[in-house]
Amino acid sequence: MATKKAKPKHGTRTRGTLNDRQAAFVREYLIDLNGTQAAIRAGYSKRSASGIAIRLLRKNHVQAAIQAAMDARAKRLELSADNVLEEIRRVAFCDPRQFFRADGSLVPIPELSAEAAAALAGMDVEEVGGGDRPVIRTKKIRLVSKVAALEMAAKHLRLLVDRAETRQVDKDGNDAPLPAVIVVPQGYASVEDYDADVGGSSADGG
């Protein structure tokens, strides 16, 4: 006599796949890369959102889903590291002389080179005279901050390091992962007490 297979319980999922709330967390995380707020918007408890976000972001399948979504978005927008760095380079090394003709007059926006246009933050103009075709004169141009662009380029080249950046090495001098730190909300004596209070599925983002 053939035995019937037990039906999976409601809410169960194949190991390594996202459940509904984890999928919602991934979608929300892509908005601002804020784990705590993403967890709240995904429907997790505000009280334990910070800890849940930490746990979710440690899960391999959640990390993989976030990376896949980021890659898909970058592909849709034709966004790449090369594109971003190229724009930073244009701003950082913009030569203001590109905005002027030999006689000292400003080059109209439609005639600007791609290099110059990338660094242009704004332009103040005025209309002089009346009639059907008033004369338009440029009063001032504003460029994107070269200092900020140079700082971003320097960080990419590892010429600058944020003070908050930390590094740990093993006994052989190689980079080693930093020890995991679990933040437990005030009022809990241990991680175990926190898990027991918020529940297994909620505490680990399951």
Foldseek 3Di string as FASTA:
>chain_A
DDDDDDDDDPQDDDPLDDGQLLVQLLVQCVVPVDQLVSSVVSPADNQQSVLQSLLQCVDPSSVVVNVVVVVVVCVVVVHDPVVVLVLLVLQLPPDVCQQADPVGAGDDPVPGDPSNNSFWPDWDWDFDDDDPDTDIGTDDTDTDDNVVSVVVVCVVVVVDDDPPDDFDADPVRHTDDDDDDRDDDPPDPDPVSRCVVSDVCSSNVD
